[in-house]
PDB file of N, CA and C in Angstrom:
ATOM      1  N   MET A   1      95.840   5.972  18.007  1.00  0.00           N
ATOM      2  CA  MET A   1      95.884   6.174  16.689  1.00  0.00           C
ATOM      3  C   MET A   1      96.529   4.962  15.827  1.00  0.00           C
ATOM      4  N   LEU A   2      95.816   4.630  14.556  1.00  0.00           N
ATOM      5  CA  LEU A   2      95.957   3.860  13.923  1.00  0.00           C
ATOM      6  C   LEU A   2      97.320   3.400  13.403  1.00  0.00           C
ATOM      7  N   LEU A   3      98.292   4.254  13.218  1.00  0.00           N
ATOM      8  CA  LEU A   3      99.559   4.184  12.634  1.00  0.00           C
ATOM      9  C   LEU A   3     100.517   3.563  13.967  1.00  0.00           C
ATOM     10  N   ASP A   4     100.029   4.091  15.569  1.00  0.00           N
ATOM     11  CA  ASP A   4     100.746   3.395  16.452  1.00  0.00           C
ATOM     12  C   ASP A   4     100.308   1.916  16.521  1.00  0.00           C
ATOM     13  N   THR A   5      99.222   1.780  16.374  1.00  0.00           N
ATOM     14  CA  THR A   5      98.618   0.316  16.312  1.00  0.00           C
ATOM     15  C   THR A   5      99.527  -0.469  15.155  1.00  0.00           C
ATOM     16  N   ALA A   6     100.007   0.068  14.255  1.00  0.00           N
ATOM     17  CA  ALA A   6     100.587  -0.546  13.155  1.00  0.00           C
ATOM     18  C   ALA A   6     101.885  -1.200  13.704  1.00  0.00           C
ATOM     19  N   ASP A   7     102.429  -0.110  14.521  1.00  0.00           N
ATOM     20  CA  ASP A   7     103.933  -0.450  15.042  1.00  0.00           C
ATOM     21  C   ASP A   7     103.809  -1.427  15.970  1.00  0.00           C
ATOM     22  N   GLU A   8     102.615  -1.590  16.915  1.00  0.00           N
ATOM     23  CA  GLU A   8     102.364  -2.423  18.045  1.00  0.00           C
ATOM     24  C   GLU A   8     102.053  -3.979  17.100  1.00  0.00           C
ATOM     25  N   VAL A   9     101.315  -3.887  16.202  1.00  0.00           N
ATOM     26  CA  VAL A   9     101.121  -5.049  15.675  1.00  0.00           C
ATOM     27  C   VAL A   9     102.359  -5.704  14.735  1.00  0.00           C
ATOM     28  N   GLY A  10     103.268  -4.952  14.368  1.00  0.00           N
ATOM     29  CA  GLY A  10     104.427  -5.097  13.817  1.00  0.00           C
ATOM     30  C   GLY A  10     104.138  -5.170  11.826  1.00  0.00           C
ATOM     31  N   LEU A  11     103.116  -4.085  11.728  1.00  0.00           N
ATOM     32  CA  LEU A  11     103.187  -3.793  10.155  1.00  0.00           C
ATOM     33  C   LEU A  11     104.715  -3.056   9.935  1.00  0.00           C
ATOM     34  N   PRO A  12     104.817  -3.454   8.691  1.00  0.00           N
ATOM     35  CA  PRO A  12     106.266  -2.932   8.231  1.00  0.00           C
ATOM     36  C   PRO A  12     106.401  -1.371   8.281  1.00  0.00           C
ATOM     37  N   ASP A  13     107.759  -1.011   8.774  1.00  0.00           N
ATOM     38  CA  ASP A  13     107.779   0.487   8.945  1.00  0.00           C
ATOM     39  C   ASP A  13     108.486   1.138   7.797  1.00  0.00           C
ATOM     40  N   ASP A  14     108.520   0.726   6.949  1.00  0.00           N
ATOM     41  CA  ASP A  14     109.294   1.295   5.659  1.00  0.00           C
ATOM     42  C   ASP A  14     108.121   2.532   5.149  1.00  0.00           C
ATOM     43  N   PRO A  15     108.845   3.397   4.570  1.00  0.00           N
ATOM     44  CA  PRO A  15     108.106   4.642   4.149  1.00  0.00           C
ATOM     45  C   PRO A  15     107.205   4.363   3.401  1.00  0.00           C
ATOM     46  N   GLU A  16     107.403   3.673   2.214  1.00  0.00           N
ATOM     47  CA  GLU A  16     106.471   3.258   1.098  1.00  0.00           C
ATOM     48  C   GLU A  16     105.510   2.763   1.694  1.00  0.00           C
ATOM     49  N   PHE A  17     105.465   1.569   2.270  1.00  0.00           N
ATOM     50  CA  PHE A  17     104.282   0.846   3.131  1.00  0.00           C
ATOM     51  C   PHE A  17     103.721   1.592   3.710  1.00  0.00           C
ATOM     52  N   ARG A  18     104.155   2.586   4.774  1.00  0.00           N
ATOM     53  CA  ARG A  18     103.463   3.591   5.699  1.00  0.00           C
ATOM     54  C   ARG A  18     102.749   4.595   4.775  1.00  0.00           C
ATOM     55  N   SER A  19     103.406   5.207   3.964  1.00  0.00           N
ATOM     56  CA  SER A  19     102.435   6.082   2.820  1.00  0.00           C
ATOM     57  C   SER A  19     101.228   5.151   2.392  1.00  0.00           C
ATOM     58  N   ALA A  20     101.358   4.291   1.941  1.00  0.00           N
ATOM     59  CA  ALA A  20     100.056   3.595   1.231  1.00  0.00           C
ATOM     60  C   ALA A  20      99.077   3.270   2.160  1.00  0.00           C
ATOM     61  N   PHE A  21      99.629   2.873   3.481  1.00  0.00           N
ATOM     62  CA  PHE A  21      98.667   2.422   4.353  1.00  0.00           C
ATOM     63  C   PHE A  21      98.030   3.753   5.302  1.00  0.00           C
ATOM     64  N   ALA A  22      98.609   4.801   5.229  1.00  0.00           N
ATOM     65  CA  ALA A  22      98.130   6.025   5.972  1.00  0.00           C
ATOM     66  C   ALA A  22      97.141   6.413   4.581  1.00  0.00           C
ATOM     67  N   ALA A  23      97.777   6.153   3.449  1.00  0.00           N
ATOM     68  CA  ALA A  23      96.587   6.907   2.629  1.00  0.00           C
ATOM     69  C   ALA A  23      95.090   5.838   2.378  1.00  0.00           C
ATOM     70  N   TYR A  24      95.377   4.862   2.694  1.00  0.00           N
ATOM     71  CA  TYR A  24      94.270   3.839   2.893  1.00  0.00           C
ATOM     72  C   TYR A  24      93.508   4.307   4.130  1.00  0.00           C
ATOM     73  N   LEU A  25      93.851   4.402   5.198  1.00  0.00           N
ATOM     74  CA  LEU A  25      93.311   5.098   6.375  1.00  0.00           C
ATOM     75  C   LEU A  25      92.400   6.208   6.237  1.00  0.00           C
ATOM     76  N   GLU A  26      93.183   7.301   5.498  1.00  0.00           N
ATOM     77  CA  GLU A  26      92.357   8.604   5.267  1.00  0.00           C
ATOM     78  C   GLU A  26      91.301   8.185   4.403  1.00  0.00           C
ATOM     79  N   TRP A  27      91.463   7.592   3.293  1.00  0.00           N
ATOM     80  CA  TRP A  27      90.174   7.171   2.318  1.00  0.00           C
ATOM     81  C   TRP A  27      89.284   6.606   3.085  1.00  0.00           C
ATOM     82  N   GLY A  28      89.340   5.505   4.174  1.00  0.00           N
ATOM     83  CA  GLY A  28      88.243   4.899   4.689  1.00  0.00           C
ATOM     84  C   GLY A  28      87.705   5.862   5.851  1.00  0.00           C
ATOM     85  N   SER A  29      88.529   6.696   6.294  1.00  0.00           N
ATOM     86  CA  SER A  29      88.028   8.081   7.120  1.00  0.00           C
ATOM     87  C   SER A  29      87.135   9.031   6.424  1.00  0.00           C
ATOM     88  N   ARG A  30      87.472   9.244   5.157  1.00  0.00           N
ATOM     89  CA  ARG A  30      86.833  10.030   4.343  1.00  0.00           C
ATOM     90  C   ARG A  30      85.361   9.370   3.726  1.00  0.00           C
ATOM     91  N   MET A  31      85.379   8.179   3.403  1.00  0.00           N
ATOM     92  CA  MET A  31      84.551   7.220   3.254  1.00  0.00           C
ATOM     93  C   MET A  31      83.244   7.286   4.243  1.00  0.00           C
ATOM     94  N   ALA A  32      83.595   7.065   5.678  1.00  0.00           N
ATOM     95  CA  ALA A  32      82.811   7.005   6.803  1.00  0.00           C
ATOM     96  C   ALA A  32      81.999   8.354   7.197  1.00  0.00           C
ATOM     97  N   LEU A  33      82.931   9.431   6.723  1.00  0.00           N
ATOM     98  CA  LEU A  33      82.148  10.719   6.956  1.00  0.00           C
ATOM     99  C   LEU A  33      81.159  10.998   5.797  1.00  0.00           C
ATOM    100  N   ILE A  34      81.519  10.810   4.672  1.00  0.00           N
ATOM    101  CA  ILE A  34      80.641  10.708   3.389  1.00  0.00           C
ATOM    102  C   ILE A  34      79.668  10.243   3.816  1.00  0.00           C
ATOM    103  N   PHE A  35      79.554   8.881   3.985  1.00  0.00           N
ATOM    104  CA  PHE A  35      78.494   7.977   4.168  1.00  0.00           C
ATOM    105  C   PHE A  35      77.539   8.041   5.297  1.00  0.00           C
ATOM    106  N   SER A  36      78.006   8.584   6.447  1.00  0.00           N
ATOM    107  CA  SER A  36      77.455   8.570   7.594  1.00  0.00           C
ATOM    108  C   SER A  36      76.194   9.553   7.860  1.00  0.00           C
ATOM    109  N   ARG A  37      76.406  10.401   6.754  1.00  0.00           N
ATOM    110  CA  ARG A  37      74.976  11.259   7.053  1.00  0.00           C
ATOM    111  C   ARG A  37      73.586  10.667   6.565  1.00  0.00           C
ATOM    112  N   PRO A  38      72.552  10.611   7.248  1.00  0.00           N
ATOM    113  CA  PRO A  38      71.488  10.145   6.802  1.00  0.00           C
ATOM    114  C   PRO A  38      70.891  10.084   5.450  1.00  0.00           C
ATOM    115  N   ASP A  39      71.043  10.947   4.778  1.00  0.00           N
ATOM    116  CA  ASP A  39      70.561  11.156   3.777  1.00  0.00           C
ATOM    117  C   ASP A  39      71.407  10.748   2.430  1.00  0.00           C
ATOM    118  N   VAL A  40      72.462  10.239   2.684  1.00  0.00           N
ATOM    119  CA  VAL A  40      73.269   9.850   1.635  1.00  0.00           C
ATOM    120  C   VAL A  40      73.059   8.118   1.392  1.00  0.00           C
ATOM    121  N   ARG A  41      73.064   7.668   0.172  1.00  0.00           N
ATOM    122  CA  ARG A  41      73.156   6.320  -0.378  1.00  0.00           C
ATOM    123  C   ARG A  41      74.375   6.050  -1.169  1.00  0.00           C
ATOM    124  N   PRO A  42      75.021   4.994  -0.958  1.00  0.00           N
ATOM    125  CA  PRO A  42      76.284   4.675  -1.787  1.00  0.00           C
ATOM    126  C   PRO A  42      75.748   4.532  -3.038  1.00  0.00           C
ATOM    127  N   ASN A  43      76.298   4.753  -4.325  1.00  0.00           N
ATOM    128  CA  ASN A  43      76.130   4.409  -5.649  1.00  0.00           C
ATOM    129  C   ASN A  43      77.206   2.556  -5.628  1.00  0.00           C
ATOM    130  N   LEU A  44      76.458   1.630  -5.769  1.00  0.00           N
ATOM    131  CA  LEU A  44      76.495   0.537  -5.761  1.00  0.00           C
ATOM    132  C   LEU A  44      77.670   0.265  -6.979  1.00  0.00           C
ATOM    133  N   ASP A  45      77.391   0.719  -8.119  1.00  0.00           N
ATOM    134  CA  ASP A  45      78.248   0.587  -9.238  1.00  0.00           C
ATOM    135  C   ASP A  45      79.697   1.475  -9.280  1.00  0.00           C
ATOM    136  N   GLU A  46      79.889   2.125  -8.194  1.00  0.00           N
ATOM    137  CA  GLU A  46      80.922   2.567  -8.041  1.00  0.00           C
ATOM    138  C   GLU A  46      82.233   1.678  -7.985  1.00  0.00           C
ATOM    139  N   PRO A  47      83.505   1.866  -8.696  1.00  0.00           N
ATOM    140  CA  PRO A  47      84.294   0.963  -8.839  1.00  0.00           C
ATOM    141  C   PRO A  47      85.197   0.701  -7.551  1.00  0.00           C
ATOM    142  N   MET A  48      85.598  -0.341  -7.076  1.00  0.00           N
ATOM    143  CA  MET A  48      86.389  -0.317  -5.646  1.00  0.00           C
ATOM    144  C   MET A  48      87.676   0.097  -5.938  1.00  0.00           C
ATOM    145  N   PRO A  49      88.407   0.898  -5.249  1.00  0.00           N
ATOM    146  CA  PRO A  49      89.531   1.525  -5.512  1.00  0.00           C
ATOM    147  C   PRO A  49      90.498   0.567  -5.372  1.00  0.00           C
ATOM    148  N   ARG A  50      91.806   0.594  -6.313  1.00  0.00           N
ATOM    149  CA  ARG A  50      92.712  -0.333  -6.146  1.00  0.00           C
ATOM    150  C   ARG A  50      93.986   0.157  -5.446  1.00  0.00           C
ATOM    151  N   TRP A  51      94.602  -0.735  -4.431  1.00  0.00           N
ATOM    152  CA  TRP A  51      96.165   0.047  -4.053  1.00  0.00           C
ATOM    153  C   TRP A  51      97.178  -0.658  -4.194  1.00  0.00           C
ATOM    154  N   GLY A  52      98.216   0.002  -4.504  1.00  0.00           N
ATOM    155  CA  GLY A  52      99.239  -0.938  -4.992  1.00  0.00           C
ATOM    156  C   GLY A  52     100.490  -0.095  -4.503  1.00  0.00           C
ATOM    157  N   TRP A  53     101.928  -0.573  -4.435  1.00  0.00           N
ATOM    158  CA  TRP A  53     102.904   0.078  -4.028  1.00  0.00           C
ATOM    159  C   TRP A  53     103.037   1.280  -4.832  1.00  0.00           C
ATOM    160  N   GLY A  54     103.374   2.392  -4.524  1.00  0.00           N
ATOM    161  CA  GLY A  54     103.457   4.068  -5.018  1.00  0.00           C
ATOM    162  C   GLY A  54     102.104   4.044  -6.040  1.00  0.00           C
ATOM    163  N   GLU A  55     101.204   3.394  -5.652  1.00  0.00           N
ATOM    164  CA  GLU A  55      99.847   3.683  -6.742  1.00  0.00           C
ATOM    165  C   GLU A  55      98.781   3.603  -5.716  1.00  0.00           C
ATOM    166  N   VAL A  56      98.208   4.768  -5.945  1.00  0.00           N
ATOM    167  CA  VAL A  56      96.727   4.842  -5.007  1.00  0.00           C
ATOM    168  C   VAL A  56      95.856   5.473  -6.065  1.00  0.00           C
ATOM    169  N   ARG A  57      94.875   4.934  -6.386  1.00  0.00           N
ATOM    170  CA  ARG A  57      94.091   5.633  -6.702  1.00  0.00           C
ATOM    171  C   ARG A  57      92.100   5.570  -6.081  1.00  0.00           C
ATOM    172  N   PRO A  58      92.499   6.737  -5.201  1.00  0.00           N
ATOM    173  CA  PRO A  58      91.267   6.764  -4.365  1.00  0.00           C
ATOM    174  C   PRO A  58      90.097   7.038  -5.079  1.00  0.00           C
ATOM    175  N   TRP A  59      88.856   6.319  -4.118  1.00  0.00           N
ATOM    176  CA  TRP A  59      87.509   6.780  -4.759  1.00  0.00           C
ATOM    177  C   TRP A  59      87.141   8.210  -4.709  1.00  0.00           C
ATOM    178  N   GLN A  60      86.532   9.104  -5.420  1.00  0.00           N
ATOM    179  CA  GLN A  60      86.120  10.340  -5.440  1.00  0.00           C
ATOM    180  C   GLN A  60      84.641  10.312  -5.325  1.00  0.00           C
ATOM    181  N   PRO A  61      83.937  11.044  -4.782  1.00  0.00           N
ATOM    182  CA  PRO A  61      82.487  11.195  -4.935  1.00  0.00           C
ATOM    183  C   PRO A  61      82.281  11.832  -6.337  1.00  0.00           C
ATOM    184  N   ALA A  62      81.196  11.409  -6.933  1.00  0.00           N
ATOM    185  CA  ALA A  62      80.631  12.075  -8.040  1.00  0.00           C
ATOM    186  C   ALA A  62      80.151  13.594  -7.786  1.00  0.00           C
ATOM    187  N   GLU A  63      80.433  14.560  -8.579  1.00  0.00           N
ATOM    188  CA  GLU A  63      79.715  15.817  -8.455  1.00  0.00           C
ATOM    189  C   GLU A  63      78.417  16.483  -8.934  1.00  0.00           C
TER     190      GLU A  63
END
C-alpha cells in the first residue's frame, strides 16, 4: 500500500499531511480509472487541481 511506502521512505506522519497525501492518492487512482477506458480522451483545458494544507480541490469529470 502506498501509505506503507510513505512510512518506509520517511514522509511526515502527522494527520494533516497524511490526510492530504491520501486524498492525492485517491484522486490519482480515480483519474487512472476514468482515463483508462479506450473511448475516453482527456479535456486538455481542464484546470490542474491545487493541493494545500487543509485544502483539497480535486478535479471532477464534467457531467
